[in-house]
Amino acid sequence: MSTPAFYWGTGRRKTAVARVRIVPGDGQMVVNGRTPEEHFGGILSDADLFAPFRATGSEGRFNVMIKVAGGGTTGQAGAIRHGIARALLQVDADANRLPLRQAGLLTRDPRMKERKKYGLKRARKAPQYTKR
């Protein structure tokens, strides 16, 4: 059986969706055609994005190409981490599953924004009570 040209994974967080492709390489990351620093504006540390590689001990062995859409910076970063972790499972599921699971990188974060209810200003904030 031949090895594929790339490994892929889809990551999700809040309303962000990241499509991640990893190929053997020297550790470069491209997010929507830009570097992570340009895409996130320096707000996010690279350590947050490279956590799956650090957990599996494969830093600098793969180039990462990411297309991410939706959400804000935190949601997109979480989606990218989730997608990279899922792609690393395709590389070697037996060796990578346990460290990724222990680091909590394989579980999709289920927290979403709560919907606004009628009669309220936001999801739970009620209008100010007036006695008279």
N, C-alpha and C. Protein backbone atom coordinates (compact mmCIF):
# COMPACT_ATOMS: atom_id res chain seq x y z
N MET A 1 0.84 -1.18 0.00
CA MET A 1 0.00 0.00 0.00
C MET A 1 0.89 1.24 0.00
N SER A 2 0.58 2.21 -0.87
CA SER A 2 1.39 3.41 -0.97
C SER A 2 0.99 4.43 0.08
N THR A 3 1.92 5.29 0.44
CA THR A 3 1.61 6.34 1.41
C THR A 3 0.96 7.50 0.68
N PRO A 4 -0.06 8.13 1.28
CA PRO A 4 -0.73 9.24 0.60
C PRO A 4 0.16 10.47 0.53
N ALA A 5 -0.17 11.37 -0.42
CA ALA A 5 0.61 12.59 -0.60
C ALA A 5 0.42 13.54 0.58
N PHE A 6 -0.75 13.49 1.22
CA PHE A 6 -1.00 14.35 2.38
C PHE A 6 -2.01 13.68 3.28
N TYR A 7 -2.07 14.16 4.51
CA TYR A 7 -3.05 13.70 5.50
C TYR A 7 -3.94 14.88 5.84
N TRP A 8 -5.21 14.63 6.11
CA TRP A 8 -6.14 15.73 6.33
C TRP A 8 -6.98 15.49 7.57
N GLY A 9 -7.50 16.58 8.09
CA GLY A 9 -8.40 16.52 9.24
C GLY A 9 -9.25 17.77 9.27
N THR A 10 -10.48 17.61 9.75
CA THR A 10 -11.39 18.75 9.87
C THR A 10 -11.58 19.05 11.34
N GLY A 11 -11.33 20.30 11.72
CA GLY A 11 -11.48 20.71 13.10
C GLY A 11 -12.59 21.73 13.24
N ARG A 12 -13.29 21.67 14.37
CA ARG A 12 -14.38 22.61 14.61
C ARG A 12 -14.30 23.14 16.04
N ARG A 13 -14.69 24.42 16.19
CA ARG A 13 -14.77 25.04 17.51
C ARG A 13 -15.69 26.24 17.39
N LYS A 14 -16.70 26.32 18.25
CA LYS A 14 -17.72 27.36 18.16
C LYS A 14 -18.30 27.36 16.74
N THR A 15 -18.19 28.43 15.99
CA THR A 15 -18.71 28.43 14.62
C THR A 15 -17.60 28.37 13.58
N ALA A 16 -16.37 28.13 14.01
CA ALA A 16 -15.24 28.07 13.08
C ALA A 16 -15.04 26.63 12.59
N VAL A 17 -14.68 26.50 11.33
CA VAL A 17 -14.37 25.20 10.73
C VAL A 17 -13.02 25.33 10.04
N ALA A 18 -12.10 24.40 10.36
CA ALA A 18 -10.77 24.42 9.76
C ALA A 18 -10.54 23.13 8.99
N ARG A 19 -10.13 23.27 7.73
CA ARG A 19 -9.74 22.12 6.91
C ARG A 19 -8.21 22.10 6.89
N VAL A 20 -7.63 21.05 7.44
CA VAL A 20 -6.18 21.00 7.66
C VAL A 20 -5.59 19.89 6.79
N ARG A 21 -4.53 20.22 6.07
CA ARG A 21 -3.75 19.23 5.32
C ARG A 21 -2.32 19.28 5.82
N ILE A 22 -1.76 18.13 6.16
CA ILE A 22 -0.36 18.09 6.56
C ILE A 22 0.40 17.19 5.60
N VAL A 23 1.60 17.64 5.24
CA VAL A 23 2.49 16.89 4.36
C VAL A 23 3.85 16.85 5.03
N PRO A 24 4.63 15.80 4.80
CA PRO A 24 5.98 15.77 5.37
C PRO A 24 6.77 16.98 4.89
N GLY A 25 7.47 17.63 5.81
CA GLY A 25 8.20 18.84 5.45
C GLY A 25 9.03 19.34 6.61
N ASP A 26 9.23 20.66 6.66
CA ASP A 26 10.14 21.25 7.64
C ASP A 26 9.44 22.06 8.73
N GLY A 27 8.12 21.95 8.84
CA GLY A 27 7.43 22.57 9.96
C GLY A 27 6.81 23.93 9.68
N GLN A 28 6.59 24.28 8.41
CA GLN A 28 5.96 25.56 8.09
C GLN A 28 4.45 25.43 8.19
N MET A 29 3.78 26.54 8.55
CA MET A 29 2.33 26.57 8.64
C MET A 29 1.79 27.72 7.81
N VAL A 30 0.76 27.45 7.01
CA VAL A 30 0.11 28.46 6.19
C VAL A 30 -1.38 28.45 6.52
N VAL A 31 -1.90 29.60 6.95
CA VAL A 31 -3.32 29.73 7.29
C VAL A 31 -3.96 30.69 6.28
N ASN A 32 -4.87 30.17 5.46
CA ASN A 32 -5.55 30.97 4.43
C ASN A 32 -4.56 31.74 3.56
N GLY A 33 -3.46 31.08 3.20
CA GLY A 33 -2.47 31.69 2.31
C GLY A 33 -1.51 32.64 3.01
N ARG A 34 -1.59 32.76 4.32
CA ARG A 34 -0.72 33.67 5.07
C ARG A 34 -0.06 32.91 6.22
N THR A 35 0.93 33.55 6.83
CA THR A 35 1.54 32.95 8.02
C THR A 35 0.58 33.11 9.19
N PRO A 36 0.72 32.28 10.23
CA PRO A 36 -0.16 32.43 11.40
C PRO A 36 -0.07 33.81 12.04
N GLU A 37 1.12 34.42 12.03
CA GLU A 37 1.27 35.75 12.62
C GLU A 37 0.46 36.79 11.84
N GLU A 38 0.49 36.68 10.51
CA GLU A 38 -0.28 37.62 9.69
C GLU A 38 -1.78 37.39 9.84
N HIS A 39 -2.18 36.12 9.87
CA HIS A 39 -3.62 35.81 9.93
C HIS A 39 -4.23 36.22 11.26
N PHE A 40 -3.55 35.89 12.37
CA PHE A 40 -4.09 36.19 13.69
C PHE A 40 -3.62 37.53 14.23
N GLY A 41 -2.77 38.23 13.51
CA GLY A 41 -2.34 39.57 13.91
C GLY A 41 -1.47 39.59 15.15
N GLY A 42 -0.78 38.50 15.44
CA GLY A 42 0.10 38.46 16.60
C GLY A 42 -0.62 38.32 17.93
N ILE A 43 -1.96 38.18 17.90
CA ILE A 43 -2.73 38.04 19.14
C ILE A 43 -2.49 36.67 19.76
N LEU A 44 -2.34 35.66 18.92
CA LEU A 44 -2.27 34.27 19.36
C LEU A 44 -0.82 33.80 19.34
N SER A 45 -0.44 33.01 20.32
CA SER A 45 0.93 32.47 20.34
C SER A 45 0.97 31.22 19.46
N ASP A 46 2.12 30.97 18.87
CA ASP A 46 2.29 29.78 18.04
C ASP A 46 2.21 28.52 18.87
N ALA A 47 2.53 28.61 20.16
CA ALA A 47 2.49 27.44 21.03
C ALA A 47 1.09 26.84 21.05
N ASP A 48 0.07 27.68 20.97
CA ASP A 48 -1.31 27.20 20.98
C ASP A 48 -1.61 26.38 19.73
N LEU A 49 -1.12 26.82 18.58
CA LEU A 49 -1.40 26.12 17.33
C LEU A 49 -0.57 24.85 17.18
N PHE A 50 0.65 24.84 17.69
CA PHE A 50 1.55 23.70 17.52
C PHE A 50 1.43 22.67 18.64
N ALA A 51 0.42 22.79 19.51
CA ALA A 51 0.26 21.88 20.65
C ALA A 51 0.13 20.41 20.22
N PRO A 52 -0.63 20.07 19.15
CA PRO A 52 -0.71 18.66 18.77
C PRO A 52 0.64 18.07 18.36
N PHE A 53 1.46 18.87 17.68
CA PHE A 53 2.79 18.38 17.29
C PHE A 53 3.66 18.16 18.52
N ARG A 54 3.55 19.07 19.50
CA ARG A 54 4.33 18.94 20.72
C ARG A 54 3.91 17.72 21.51
N ALA A 55 2.60 17.43 21.54
CA ALA A 55 2.08 16.29 22.30
C ALA A 55 2.56 14.97 21.70
N THR A 56 2.69 14.92 20.37
CA THR A 56 3.10 13.67 19.73
C THR A 56 4.61 13.61 19.45
N GLY A 57 5.33 14.69 19.74
CA GLY A 57 6.78 14.70 19.51
C GLY A 57 7.14 14.77 18.03
N SER A 58 6.29 15.40 17.22
CA SER A 58 6.55 15.47 15.78
C SER A 58 6.72 16.91 15.32
N GLU A 59 7.29 17.75 16.16
CA GLU A 59 7.52 19.15 15.79
C GLU A 59 8.54 19.23 14.66
N GLY A 60 8.26 20.06 13.65
CA GLY A 60 9.20 20.27 12.56
C GLY A 60 9.23 19.17 11.53
N ARG A 61 8.31 18.20 11.59
CA ARG A 61 8.31 17.10 10.63
C ARG A 61 7.26 17.25 9.55
N PHE A 62 6.30 18.18 9.74
CA PHE A 62 5.21 18.32 8.79
C PHE A 62 4.98 19.78 8.44
N ASN A 63 4.66 20.03 7.17
CA ASN A 63 4.16 21.34 6.75
C ASN A 63 2.63 21.28 6.83
N VAL A 64 2.03 22.40 7.25
CA VAL A 64 0.59 22.43 7.48
C VAL A 64 -0.03 23.50 6.59
N MET A 65 -1.06 23.11 5.84
CA MET A 65 -1.84 24.05 5.04
C MET A 65 -3.26 24.05 5.56
N ILE A 66 -3.75 25.23 5.94
CA ILE A 66 -5.03 25.33 6.62
C ILE A 66 -5.92 26.32 5.89
N LYS A 67 -7.19 25.93 5.73
CA LYS A 67 -8.23 26.86 5.28
C LYS A 67 -9.24 26.90 6.42
N VAL A 68 -9.41 28.09 7.00
CA VAL A 68 -10.31 28.23 8.14
C VAL A 68 -11.31 29.33 7.85
N ALA A 69 -12.56 29.10 8.27
CA ALA A 69 -13.62 30.08 8.02
C ALA A 69 -14.55 30.10 9.21
N GLY A 70 -15.16 31.26 9.44
CA GLY A 70 -16.15 31.40 10.50
C GLY A 70 -15.52 31.68 11.84
N GLY A 71 -16.32 32.24 12.75
CA GLY A 71 -15.86 32.47 14.12
C GLY A 71 -14.86 33.58 14.24
N GLY A 72 -14.27 33.69 15.42
CA GLY A 72 -13.25 34.69 15.71
C GLY A 72 -11.90 34.03 15.88
N THR A 73 -10.97 34.76 16.48
CA THR A 73 -9.61 34.24 16.60
C THR A 73 -9.54 33.02 17.50
N THR A 74 -10.24 33.04 18.64
CA THR A 74 -10.18 31.92 19.57
C THR A 74 -10.82 30.68 18.96
N GLY A 75 -11.96 30.86 18.31
CA GLY A 75 -12.63 29.73 17.68
C GLY A 75 -11.81 29.15 16.55
N GLN A 76 -11.20 30.01 15.75
CA GLN A 76 -10.39 29.52 14.64
C GLN A 76 -9.16 28.79 15.14
N ALA A 77 -8.53 29.30 16.20
CA ALA A 77 -7.35 28.63 16.75
C ALA A 77 -7.71 27.25 17.30
N GLY A 78 -8.84 27.16 17.99
CA GLY A 78 -9.28 25.88 18.50
C GLY A 78 -9.62 24.90 17.39
N ALA A 79 -10.22 25.40 16.31
CA ALA A 79 -10.55 24.55 15.17
C ALA A 79 -9.28 24.04 14.49
N ILE A 80 -8.27 24.89 14.40
CA ILE A 80 -7.00 24.49 13.79
C ILE A 80 -6.33 23.40 14.62
N ARG A 81 -6.29 23.59 15.94
CA ARG A 81 -5.71 22.56 16.82
C ARG A 81 -6.44 21.23 16.67
N HIS A 82 -7.76 21.27 16.64
CA HIS A 82 -8.56 20.06 16.50
C HIS A 82 -8.29 19.38 15.16
N GLY A 83 -8.20 20.17 14.08
CA GLY A 83 -7.94 19.61 12.76
C GLY A 83 -6.55 19.00 12.64
N ILE A 84 -5.54 19.65 13.23
CA ILE A 84 -4.18 19.10 13.20
C ILE A 84 -4.14 17.78 13.96
N ALA A 85 -4.81 17.73 15.11
CA ALA A 85 -4.83 16.49 15.90
C ALA A 85 -5.48 15.36 15.12
N ARG A 86 -6.57 15.65 14.42
CA ARG A 86 -7.24 14.61 13.63
C ARG A 86 -6.38 14.17 12.46
N ALA A 87 -5.63 15.10 11.86
CA ALA A 87 -4.75 14.74 10.74
C ALA A 87 -3.59 13.87 11.24
N LEU A 88 -3.08 14.16 12.44
CA LEU A 88 -1.99 13.35 12.99
C LEU A 88 -2.46 11.93 13.30
N LEU A 89 -3.74 11.76 13.56
CA LEU A 89 -4.28 10.40 13.75
C LEU A 89 -4.18 9.59 12.46
N GLN A 90 -4.34 10.25 11.32
CA GLN A 90 -4.22 9.55 10.04
C GLN A 90 -2.78 9.15 9.75
N VAL A 91 -1.83 9.92 10.28
CA VAL A 91 -0.42 9.61 10.05
C VAL A 91 -0.08 8.29 10.73
N ASP A 92 -0.35 8.19 12.04
CA ASP A 92 -0.07 6.96 12.79
C ASP A 92 -1.03 6.91 13.98
N ALA A 93 -2.15 6.24 13.79
CA ALA A 93 -3.20 6.22 14.81
C ALA A 93 -2.74 5.52 16.08
N ASP A 94 -1.99 4.44 15.96
CA ASP A 94 -1.58 3.67 17.14
C ASP A 94 -0.66 4.47 18.05
N ALA A 95 0.28 5.19 17.47
CA ALA A 95 1.26 5.91 18.28
C ALA A 95 0.72 7.26 18.77
N ASN A 96 -0.14 7.90 17.99
CA ASN A 96 -0.54 9.27 18.31
C ASN A 96 -1.83 9.39 19.10
N ARG A 97 -2.68 8.38 19.10
CA ARG A 97 -3.98 8.51 19.74
C ARG A 97 -3.88 8.78 21.24
N LEU A 98 -3.08 8.02 21.96
CA LEU A 98 -2.99 8.18 23.41
C LEU A 98 -2.45 9.54 23.84
N PRO A 99 -1.32 10.03 23.27
CA PRO A 99 -0.85 11.36 23.70
C PRO A 99 -1.81 12.49 23.34
N LEU A 100 -2.46 12.39 22.19
CA LEU A 100 -3.41 13.42 21.80
C LEU A 100 -4.64 13.38 22.70
N ARG A 101 -5.09 12.20 23.05
CA ARG A 101 -6.25 12.05 23.92
C ARG A 101 -5.94 12.58 25.32
N GLN A 102 -4.74 12.27 25.83
CA GLN A 102 -4.36 12.74 27.17
C GLN A 102 -4.22 14.25 27.22
N ALA A 103 -3.80 14.85 26.12
CA ALA A 103 -3.68 16.31 26.06
C ALA A 103 -5.03 16.98 25.81
N GLY A 104 -6.08 16.19 25.55
CA GLY A 104 -7.42 16.73 25.34
C GLY A 104 -7.60 17.39 23.99
N LEU A 105 -6.83 16.96 23.00
CA LEU A 105 -6.86 17.61 21.69
C LEU A 105 -7.80 16.93 20.70
N LEU A 106 -8.29 15.74 21.01
CA LEU A 106 -9.16 15.03 20.07
C LEU A 106 -10.64 15.31 20.32
N THR A 107 -10.97 15.80 21.51
CA THR A 107 -12.37 16.05 21.84
C THR A 107 -12.79 17.41 21.30
N ARG A 108 -13.91 17.42 20.57
CA ARG A 108 -14.43 18.68 20.06
C ARG A 108 -15.05 19.43 21.22
N ASP A 109 -14.69 20.70 21.37
CA ASP A 109 -15.21 21.52 22.46
C ASP A 109 -16.68 21.84 22.15
N PRO A 110 -17.63 21.37 22.96
CA PRO A 110 -19.05 21.54 22.61
C PRO A 110 -19.63 22.89 22.97
N ARG A 111 -18.86 23.76 23.62
CA ARG A 111 -19.43 25.03 24.08
C ARG A 111 -19.73 25.95 22.90
N MET A 112 -20.98 26.40 22.85
CA MET A 112 -21.42 27.31 21.81
C MET A 112 -22.09 28.51 22.46
N LYS A 113 -22.29 29.55 21.68
CA LYS A 113 -22.99 30.73 22.18
C LYS A 113 -24.46 30.36 22.41
N GLU A 114 -24.97 30.74 23.58
CA GLU A 114 -26.36 30.44 23.91
C GLU A 114 -27.28 31.39 23.16
N ARG A 115 -28.43 30.88 22.72
CA ARG A 115 -29.33 31.71 21.93
C ARG A 115 -30.04 32.74 22.79
N LYS A 116 -30.40 33.85 22.15
CA LYS A 116 -31.14 34.92 22.83
C LYS A 116 -32.59 34.48 23.00
N LYS A 117 -33.15 34.76 24.19
CA LYS A 117 -34.56 34.43 24.45
C LYS A 117 -35.41 35.71 24.37
N TYR A 118 -36.66 35.53 23.99
CA TYR A 118 -37.56 36.68 23.88
C TYR A 118 -37.82 37.25 25.27
N GLY A 119 -38.01 38.55 25.34
CA GLY A 119 -38.23 39.22 26.62
C GLY A 119 -36.96 39.56 27.36
N LEU A 120 -35.81 39.07 26.88
CA LEU A 120 -34.53 39.33 27.50
C LEU A 120 -33.66 40.14 26.54
N LYS A 121 -32.63 40.78 27.11
CA LYS A 121 -31.74 41.58 26.27
C LYS A 121 -30.70 40.69 25.57
N ARG A 122 -30.21 39.67 26.29
CA ARG A 122 -29.28 38.69 25.72
C ARG A 122 -29.79 37.31 26.11
N ALA A 123 -28.93 36.34 26.19
CA ALA A 123 -29.37 34.98 26.51
C ALA A 123 -30.00 34.92 27.90
N ARG A 124 -29.41 35.64 28.87
CA ARG A 124 -29.92 35.59 30.23
C ARG A 124 -30.13 36.95 30.88
N LYS A 125 -29.61 38.01 30.28
CA LYS A 125 -29.72 39.34 30.89
C LYS A 125 -31.13 39.88 30.73
N ALA A 126 -31.75 40.14 31.86
CA ALA A 126 -33.13 40.65 31.85
C ALA A 126 -33.12 42.18 31.87
N PRO A 127 -34.21 42.79 31.41
CA PRO A 127 -34.28 44.25 31.53
C PRO A 127 -34.29 44.66 33.00
N GLN A 128 -33.83 45.89 33.26
CA GLN A 128 -33.74 46.35 34.64
C GLN A 128 -35.14 46.47 35.25
N TYR A 129 -35.27 45.98 36.48
CA TYR A 129 -36.56 46.00 37.18
C TYR A 129 -36.81 47.40 37.73
N THR A 130 -38.01 47.93 37.51
CA THR A 130 -38.40 49.21 38.08
C THR A 130 -39.61 48.99 38.96
N LYS A 131 -39.55 49.48 40.18
CA LYS A 131 -40.64 49.27 41.13
C LYS A 131 -41.80 50.22 40.82
N ARG A 132 -41.52 51.45 40.45
CA ARG A 132 -42.60 52.43 40.15
C ARG A 132 -42.41 53.00 38.77
